[in-house]
Amino acid sequence: MSEYTVHSELRNIGAKTVHTARLHRFISDTPTEHHGTDTGPSPVEYLLGALGACLGASAAAYAHSPKYKVKLSKFDMDFTAET
């Protein structure tokens, strides 16, 4: 079993949030039209990136198996929200 922890701290500027995972820091924010300062990807963009990372990690795991031939190297993650 693996455990994962991300510490998040909301800054006093728009929706800017600084996250720390192990030794890695990353910023999320929202575009200015959503009251953010656009200093980083939005939470939805990070979610899409996380899904893409899972897909990539799975493809990489299969690529190391002699049973499979994996040619996937690029893919897009899209999301449309109704407002």
C-alpha atoms as a PDB file:
ATOM      1  CA  MET A   1       0.000   0.000   0.000  1.00  0.00           C
ATOM      2  CA  SER A   2       1.255   3.481  -0.840  1.00  0.00           C
ATOM      3  CA  GLU A   3       0.400   6.660   0.997  1.00  0.00           C
ATOM      4  CA  TYR A   4       0.364  10.063  -0.643  1.00  0.00           C
ATOM      5  CA  THR A   5       0.221  13.462   1.021  1.00  0.00           C
ATOM      6  CA  VAL A   6      -0.041  16.907  -0.554  1.00  0.00           C
ATOM      7  CA  HIS A   7       0.033  20.004   1.638  1.00  0.00           C
ATOM      8  CA  SER A   8      -1.858  22.977   0.172  1.00  0.00           C
ATOM      9  CA  GLU A   9      -1.752  26.613   1.273  1.00  0.00           C
ATOM     10  CA  LEU A  10      -4.118  29.257  -0.094  1.00  0.00           C
ATOM     11  CA  ARG A  11      -2.361  32.569  -0.691  1.00  0.00           C
ATOM     12  CA  ASN A  12      -4.019  35.951  -0.198  1.00  0.00           C
ATOM     13  CA  ILE A  13      -3.901  36.672  -3.932  1.00  0.00           C
ATOM     14  CA  GLY A  14      -6.909  35.578  -5.998  1.00  0.00           C
ATOM     15  CA  ALA A  15      -7.226  31.798  -5.920  1.00  0.00           C
ATOM     16  CA  LYS A  16      -3.479  31.087  -5.928  1.00  0.00           C
ATOM     17  CA  THR A  17      -2.668  27.965  -3.935  1.00  0.00           C
ATOM     18  CA  VAL A  18       0.800  26.537  -3.333  1.00  0.00           C
ATOM     19  CA  HIS A  19       1.024  22.758  -3.007  1.00  0.00           C
ATOM     20  CA  THR A  20       3.881  20.613  -1.726  1.00  0.00           C
ATOM     21  CA  ALA A  21       4.195  16.905  -2.465  1.00  0.00           C
ATOM     22  CA  ARG A  22       7.338  15.311  -1.055  1.00  0.00           C
ATOM     23  CA  LEU A  23      10.081  17.699  -2.272  1.00  0.00           C
ATOM     24  CA  HIS A  24       8.018  19.153  -5.126  1.00  0.00           C
ATOM     25  CA  ARG A  25       6.172  22.480  -5.049  1.00  0.00           C
ATOM     26  CA  PHE A  26       3.541  23.501  -7.553  1.00  0.00           C
ATOM     27  CA  ILE A  27       1.057  26.338  -7.899  1.00  0.00           C
ATOM     28  CA  SER A  28      -2.575  26.235  -8.911  1.00  0.00           C
ATOM     29  CA  ASP A  29      -4.728  29.236  -9.664  1.00  0.00           C
ATOM     30  CA  THR A  30      -7.732  30.168 -11.726  1.00  0.00           C
ATOM     31  CA  PRO A  31      -7.922  32.469 -14.747  1.00  0.00           C
ATOM     32  CA  THR A  32      -8.601  36.144 -14.112  1.00  0.00           C
ATOM     33  CA  GLU A  33     -12.190  35.776 -15.353  1.00  0.00           C
ATOM     34  CA  HIS A  34     -12.738  33.387 -12.416  1.00  0.00           C
ATOM     35  CA  HIS A  35     -11.243  35.806  -9.858  1.00  0.00           C
ATOM     36  CA  GLY A  36      -7.769  34.280  -9.953  1.00  0.00           C
ATOM     37  CA  THR A  37      -4.429  35.703 -11.054  1.00  0.00           C
ATOM     38  CA  ASP A  38      -3.648  33.002 -13.665  1.00  0.00           C
ATOM     39  CA  THR A  39      -0.232  32.244 -12.118  1.00  0.00           C
ATOM     40  CA  GLY A  40      -0.615  28.501 -12.591  1.00  0.00           C
ATOM     41  CA  PRO A  41      -2.832  25.809 -14.056  1.00  0.00           C
ATOM     42  CA  SER A  42      -6.376  25.622 -12.725  1.00  0.00           C
ATOM     43  CA  PRO A  43      -7.467  22.736 -10.506  1.00  0.00           C
ATOM     44  CA  VAL A  44      -9.358  21.237 -13.469  1.00  0.00           C
ATOM     45  CA  GLU A  45      -6.211  21.436 -15.618  1.00  0.00           C
ATOM     46  CA  TYR A  46      -4.250  19.674 -12.870  1.00  0.00           C
ATOM     47  CA  LEU A  47      -6.958  17.012 -12.709  1.00  0.00           C
ATOM     48  CA  LEU A  48      -6.722  16.463 -16.468  1.00  0.00           C
ATOM     49  CA  GLY A  49      -2.939  16.339 -16.147  1.00  0.00           C
ATOM     50  CA  ALA A  50      -3.233  13.774 -13.353  1.00  0.00           C
ATOM     51  CA  LEU A  51      -5.475  11.610 -15.536  1.00  0.00           C
ATOM     52  CA  GLY A  52      -2.970  11.936 -18.376  1.00  0.00           C
ATOM     53  CA  ALA A  53      -0.138  11.032 -16.009  1.00  0.00           C
ATOM     54  CA  CYS A  54      -2.015   7.898 -14.914  1.00  0.00           C
ATOM     55  CA  LEU A  55      -2.594   6.935 -18.532  1.00  0.00           C
ATOM     56  CA  GLY A  56       1.080   7.534 -19.315  1.00  0.00           C
ATOM     57  CA  ALA A  57       2.261   5.542 -16.289  1.00  0.00           C
ATOM     58  CA  SER A  58      -0.018   2.654 -17.258  1.00  0.00           C
ATOM     59  CA  ALA A  59       1.213   2.754 -20.857  1.00  0.00           C
ATOM     60  CA  ALA A  60       4.822   2.797 -19.630  1.00  0.00           C
ATOM     61  CA  ALA A  61       4.158  -0.239 -17.423  1.00  0.00           C
ATOM     62  CA  TYR A  62       2.762  -2.143 -20.412  1.00  0.00           C
ATOM     63  CA  ALA A  63       5.625  -0.963 -22.614  1.00  0.00           C
ATOM     64  CA  HIS A  64       8.092  -2.781 -20.353  1.00  0.00           C
ATOM     65  CA  SER A  65       6.222  -6.058 -20.793  1.00  0.00           C
ATOM     66  CA  PRO A  66       7.219  -8.276 -23.738  1.00  0.00           C
ATOM     67  CA  LYS A  67       3.545  -9.256 -24.144  1.00  0.00           C
ATOM     68  CA  TYR A  68       2.444  -5.798 -25.336  1.00  0.00           C
ATOM     69  CA  LYS A  69       3.487  -3.340 -28.007  1.00  0.00           C
ATOM     70  CA  VAL A  70       2.682   0.170 -26.824  1.00  0.00           C
ATOM     71  CA  LYS A  71       3.073   3.048 -29.272  1.00  0.00           C
ATOM     72  CA  LEU A  72       1.148   5.697 -27.343  1.00  0.00           C
ATOM     73  CA  SER A  73       3.368   8.735 -26.830  1.00  0.00           C
ATOM     74  CA  LYS A  74       1.050  11.761 -27.037  1.00  0.00           C
ATOM     75  CA  PHE A  75      -2.546  12.252 -26.025  1.00  0.00           C
ATOM     76  CA  ASP A  76      -4.914  15.081 -25.112  1.00  0.00           C
ATOM     77  CA  MET A  77      -7.254  15.312 -22.162  1.00  0.00           C
ATOM     78  CA  ASP A  78     -10.271  17.573 -22.784  1.00  0.00           C
ATOM     79  CA  PHE A  79     -13.106  18.686 -20.545  1.00  0.00           C
ATOM     80  CA  THR A  80     -16.038  20.990 -21.229  1.00  0.00           C
ATOM     81  CA  ALA A  81     -18.040  22.436 -18.354  1.00  0.00           C
ATOM     82  CA  GLU A  82     -21.525  23.828 -18.653  1.00  0.00           C
ATOM     83  CA  THR A  83     -21.835  27.227 -17.030  1.00  0.00           C
END
